Amino acid sequence: MKPSLLAAALACVSLAAIADESDVRKAAEAKLGKVEKLVKAPMPGLWEVTVDSQIFYVDDKASYLIFGNLLDMKTGRNITAERQFNALPLDLALKQVRGNGKNVMVTFEDPNCGYCKKLAKDVLTLKDVTVYTFLLPVLGDDSYEKSKAIWCAPDKAKAWVDWMTANKAPPAASGKCDTSGLNKSAQLGGKLRINGTPAIFFAGGERVGGYIPAAEIEKRFAAGG
């Protein structure tokens, strides 16, 4: 094939790929709503579609929809859960780092949740961990007010630990405090269908609904998740 013809052929392939993606996005949005992200899935013939922070899979024509976890049978990896974890907006979370911080976990917690307070005390015993905590005030108006005070504190993470482990409440939030991030954090919990606290996510994709002790958390870190 002459160079000019080869270039033309490659251009056609490139344009076809772009058109395919555009068609899939258009078809997916007609049925699912605004697509936040669209990429080829690891499984041939499928596209990974993110809508409202949820991951779906569709075929090339968006005629069929799969809602569930995509697993790598060779490694046992939960690809969907890993993607979900890596897409979390961690800038909205309170961050604690202990030791070298190599082990990462994410929690969704309510400041009035008894098991969350138990978990907070356990976190203090963990070694080499980074904990991202999303405030999720699901237990009523007082939970929201406490979350607001923690969110508006100069050091959010310290205010959280002081309250959860020592019952030391931060001062009430001023009217000038921007709580949009707190509201986004609460909305995220709804999108992820978190109905109770604590909820714990591990970097390997595992999601735990409810409290587990420090020893169980360490076991998951040791197993790579």
Protein backbone atom coordinates (compact mmCIF):
# COMPACT_ATOMS: atom_id res chain seq x y z
CA MET A 1 0.00 0.00 0.00
CA LYS A 2 1.34 3.44 -0.92
CA PRO A 3 2.12 5.80 1.98
CA SER A 4 -0.69 8.17 1.01
CA LEU A 5 -3.21 5.35 0.88
CA LEU A 6 -1.95 3.97 4.20
CA ALA A 7 -2.35 7.38 5.82
CA ALA A 8 -5.86 7.66 4.43
CA ALA A 9 -6.75 4.19 5.71
CA LEU A 10 -5.43 5.00 9.18
CA ALA A 11 -7.40 8.23 9.18
CA CYS A 12 -10.57 6.33 8.33
CA VAL A 13 -9.91 3.87 11.17
CA SER A 14 -9.33 6.75 13.58
CA LEU A 15 -12.50 8.54 12.48
CA ALA A 16 -14.47 5.32 12.77
CA ALA A 17 -13.25 4.83 16.34
CA ILE A 18 -14.25 8.37 17.24
CA ALA A 19 -17.64 7.93 15.60
CA ASP A 20 -18.19 4.66 17.49
CA GLU A 21 -17.49 6.33 20.82
CA SER A 22 -19.75 9.24 19.93
CA ASP A 23 -22.56 6.87 18.93
CA VAL A 24 -22.23 4.85 22.13
CA ARG A 25 -22.23 8.01 24.25
CA LYS A 26 -25.31 9.33 22.45
CA ALA A 27 -27.18 6.05 22.82
CA ALA A 28 -26.17 5.66 26.47
CA GLU A 29 -27.20 9.21 27.37
CA ALA A 30 -30.59 8.69 25.74
CA LYS A 31 -31.26 5.87 28.19
CA LEU A 32 -29.12 6.61 31.25
CA GLY A 33 -28.67 10.37 31.39
CA LYS A 34 -25.52 12.49 31.29
CA VAL A 35 -22.43 10.34 30.79
CA GLU A 36 -19.57 11.47 33.02
CA LYS A 37 -16.99 9.09 31.55
CA LEU A 38 -16.90 6.60 28.69
CA VAL A 39 -14.02 4.18 28.03
CA LYS A 40 -13.53 0.78 26.46
CA ALA A 41 -14.01 -1.93 29.08
CA PRO A 42 -11.32 -4.61 29.58
CA MET A 43 -13.82 -7.17 28.27
CA PRO A 44 -14.04 -7.04 24.45
CA GLY A 45 -17.27 -5.67 23.06
CA LEU A 46 -18.17 -3.68 26.15
CA TRP A 47 -17.90 -0.02 27.10
CA GLU A 48 -17.56 1.20 30.66
CA VAL A 49 -20.01 4.04 31.28
CA THR A 50 -20.04 6.25 34.37
CA VAL A 51 -23.33 8.00 35.09
CA ASP A 52 -24.05 9.83 38.35
CA SER A 53 -20.95 8.22 39.92
CA GLN A 54 -22.26 4.73 39.05
CA ILE A 55 -20.49 2.36 36.65
CA PHE A 56 -22.43 0.48 33.98
CA TYR A 57 -21.41 -1.61 30.97
CA VAL A 58 -23.03 -1.43 27.53
CA ASP A 59 -22.44 -3.10 24.20
CA ASP A 60 -21.23 -1.21 21.12
CA LYS A 61 -24.77 -0.07 20.26
CA ALA A 62 -25.85 0.53 23.87
CA SER A 63 -28.65 -1.95 23.22
CA TYR A 64 -27.84 -4.00 26.33
CA LEU A 65 -26.92 -2.82 29.82
CA ILE A 66 -24.99 -4.64 32.52
CA PHE A 67 -25.12 -3.30 36.07
CA GLY A 68 -22.79 -5.24 38.33
CA ASN A 69 -19.17 -6.13 38.97
CA LEU A 70 -16.71 -7.07 36.23
CA LEU A 71 -14.15 -9.56 37.57
CA ASP A 72 -10.78 -10.56 36.15
CA MET A 73 -10.94 -14.37 36.35
CA LYS A 74 -7.14 -14.75 36.19
CA THR A 75 -6.31 -12.45 39.08
CA GLY A 76 -9.59 -12.33 40.96
CA ARG A 77 -9.57 -8.52 40.79
CA ASN A 78 -12.90 -6.74 41.00
CA ILE A 79 -12.29 -4.27 38.21
CA THR A 80 -15.55 -2.37 38.72
CA ALA A 81 -15.00 -1.87 42.44
CA GLU A 82 -11.40 -0.74 41.87
CA ARG A 83 -12.56 1.80 39.30
CA GLN A 84 -15.24 3.02 41.72
CA PHE A 85 -12.68 3.40 44.50
CA ASN A 86 -10.21 5.27 42.32
CA ALA A 87 -12.93 7.65 41.14
CA LEU A 88 -13.91 8.79 44.65
CA PRO A 89 -13.52 12.59 45.10
CA LEU A 90 -11.05 12.35 47.97
CA ASP A 91 -10.74 16.13 48.16
CA LEU A 92 -14.10 16.06 49.94
CA ALA A 93 -12.87 13.64 52.61
CA LEU A 94 -11.15 14.20 55.94
CA LYS A 95 -7.65 12.72 55.72
CA GLN A 96 -5.66 10.97 58.42
CA VAL A 97 -2.19 9.53 57.82
CA ARG A 98 -0.52 7.21 60.29
CA GLY A 99 3.02 5.92 59.78
CA ASN A 100 3.98 5.79 56.10
CA GLY A 101 0.31 5.73 55.03
CA LYS A 102 0.82 2.96 52.46
CA ASN A 103 -2.47 1.16 53.26
CA VAL A 104 -5.52 3.11 52.11
CA MET A 105 -9.13 2.88 53.20
CA VAL A 106 -12.16 5.11 52.77
CA THR A 107 -15.01 5.42 55.25
CA PHE A 108 -18.43 7.05 55.24
CA GLU A 109 -19.42 7.98 58.79
CA ASP A 110 -21.97 9.85 60.89
CA PRO A 111 -20.67 11.76 63.94
CA ASN A 112 -23.48 10.34 66.13
CA CYS A 113 -22.94 6.73 65.03
CA GLY A 114 -21.79 4.54 67.93
CA TYR A 115 -20.02 2.01 65.74
CA CYS A 116 -18.33 4.86 63.87
CA LYS A 117 -16.89 6.07 67.17
CA LYS A 118 -15.68 2.55 67.87
CA LEU A 119 -14.06 2.45 64.42
CA ALA A 120 -12.46 5.87 64.98
CA LYS A 121 -10.75 4.57 68.13
CA ASP A 122 -9.58 1.47 66.25
CA VAL A 123 -8.09 3.64 63.51
CA LEU A 124 -5.76 5.16 66.11
CA THR A 125 -4.20 1.71 66.58
CA LEU A 126 -3.58 1.03 62.87
CA LYS A 127 -0.07 1.25 61.49
CA ASP A 128 0.96 2.73 58.14
CA VAL A 129 -2.52 3.73 57.04
CA THR A 130 -4.22 6.57 55.21
CA VAL A 131 -7.90 6.97 56.07
CA TYR A 132 -10.21 9.17 54.02
CA THR A 133 -13.49 9.86 55.82
CA PHE A 134 -16.56 11.23 54.06
CA LEU A 135 -19.03 12.86 56.44
CA LEU A 136 -22.44 11.26 55.98
CA PRO A 137 -24.95 12.67 58.49
CA VAL A 138 -27.80 10.21 58.17
CA LEU A 139 -29.00 10.16 61.78
CA GLY A 140 -30.89 13.45 61.84
CA ASP A 141 -30.50 17.20 62.20
CA ASP A 142 -28.04 17.00 65.10
CA SER A 143 -25.74 14.80 63.00
CA TYR A 144 -25.77 17.43 60.27
CA GLU A 145 -24.98 20.23 62.73
CA LYS A 146 -22.09 18.26 64.21
CA SER A 147 -20.82 17.42 60.71
CA LYS A 148 -21.08 21.08 59.78
CA ALA A 149 -19.06 22.13 62.84
CA ILE A 150 -16.37 19.55 62.01
CA TRP A 151 -16.34 20.56 58.34
CA CYS A 152 -15.92 24.22 59.25
CA ALA A 153 -13.16 23.64 61.82
CA PRO A 154 -9.65 24.93 60.94
CA ASP A 155 -8.33 21.35 61.07
CA LYS A 156 -11.17 19.09 59.93
CA ALA A 157 -9.39 15.79 60.58
CA LYS A 158 -8.34 16.81 64.11
CA ALA A 159 -11.85 18.05 64.89
CA TRP A 160 -13.23 14.71 63.71
CA VAL A 161 -10.80 12.61 65.78
CA ASP A 162 -11.29 14.80 68.88
CA TRP A 163 -15.05 14.38 68.70
CA MET A 164 -15.17 10.70 67.77
CA THR A 165 -12.55 9.49 70.24
CA ALA A 166 -12.73 12.01 73.12
CA ASN A 167 -16.20 13.65 72.80
CA LYS A 168 -14.50 17.01 72.36
CA ALA A 169 -16.92 18.98 70.20
CA PRO A 170 -15.70 21.75 67.88
CA PRO A 171 -17.32 25.18 68.14
CA ALA A 172 -20.50 25.70 66.15
CA ALA A 173 -19.95 26.66 62.52
CA SER A 174 -20.23 30.31 61.59
CA GLY A 175 -22.72 31.47 59.01
CA LYS A 176 -19.86 32.32 56.66
CA CYS A 177 -18.62 28.75 56.38
CA ASP A 178 -18.96 27.20 52.92
CA THR A 179 -20.69 23.85 53.41
CA SER A 180 -21.02 22.94 49.73
CA GLY A 181 -18.32 20.29 50.11
CA LEU A 182 -20.14 18.72 53.05
CA ASN A 183 -23.35 18.61 51.04
CA LYS A 184 -21.53 16.98 48.12
CA SER A 185 -20.12 14.38 50.51
CA ALA A 186 -23.63 13.54 51.73
CA GLN A 187 -24.91 13.37 48.16
CA LEU A 188 -22.10 10.99 47.24
CA GLY A 189 -23.24 8.61 49.96
CA GLY A 190 -26.67 8.57 48.37
CA LYS A 191 -25.27 7.91 44.91
CA LEU A 192 -23.27 4.98 46.25
CA ARG A 193 -26.40 3.63 47.95
CA ILE A 194 -24.93 3.77 51.43
CA ASN A 195 -27.85 3.35 53.81
CA GLY A 196 -25.97 2.98 57.09
CA THR A 197 -22.72 3.92 58.76
CA PRO A 198 -19.95 3.11 58.94
CA ALA A 199 -19.32 1.97 55.38
CA ILE A 200 -15.74 1.03 54.53
CA PHE A 201 -14.06 0.80 51.12
CA PHE A 202 -10.65 -0.77 50.51
CA ALA A 203 -8.31 0.01 47.62
CA GLY A 204 -8.67 -3.51 46.23
CA GLY A 205 -12.37 -2.90 45.69
CA GLU A 206 -13.90 -4.57 48.75
CA ARG A 207 -16.81 -2.76 50.34
CA VAL A 208 -17.86 -3.49 53.91
CA GLY A 209 -21.22 -2.32 55.20
CA GLY A 210 -20.80 -1.90 58.95
CA TYR A 211 -18.13 -1.99 61.61
CA ILE A 212 -15.16 -4.35 61.57
CA PRO A 213 -12.39 -4.30 64.22
CA ALA A 214 -8.82 -3.20 63.65
CA ALA A 215 -7.58 -6.79 63.41
CA GLU A 216 -9.92 -7.45 60.47
CA ILE A 217 -8.82 -4.24 58.77
CA GLU A 218 -5.17 -5.25 59.15
CA LYS A 219 -5.95 -8.66 57.61
CA ARG A 220 -7.37 -6.94 54.53
CA PHE A 221 -4.32 -4.73 54.23
CA ALA A 222 -2.06 -7.79 54.51
CA ALA A 223 -4.03 -9.50 51.75
CA GLY A 224 -3.46 -6.52 49.47
CA GLY A 225 -6.93 -5.03 49.71
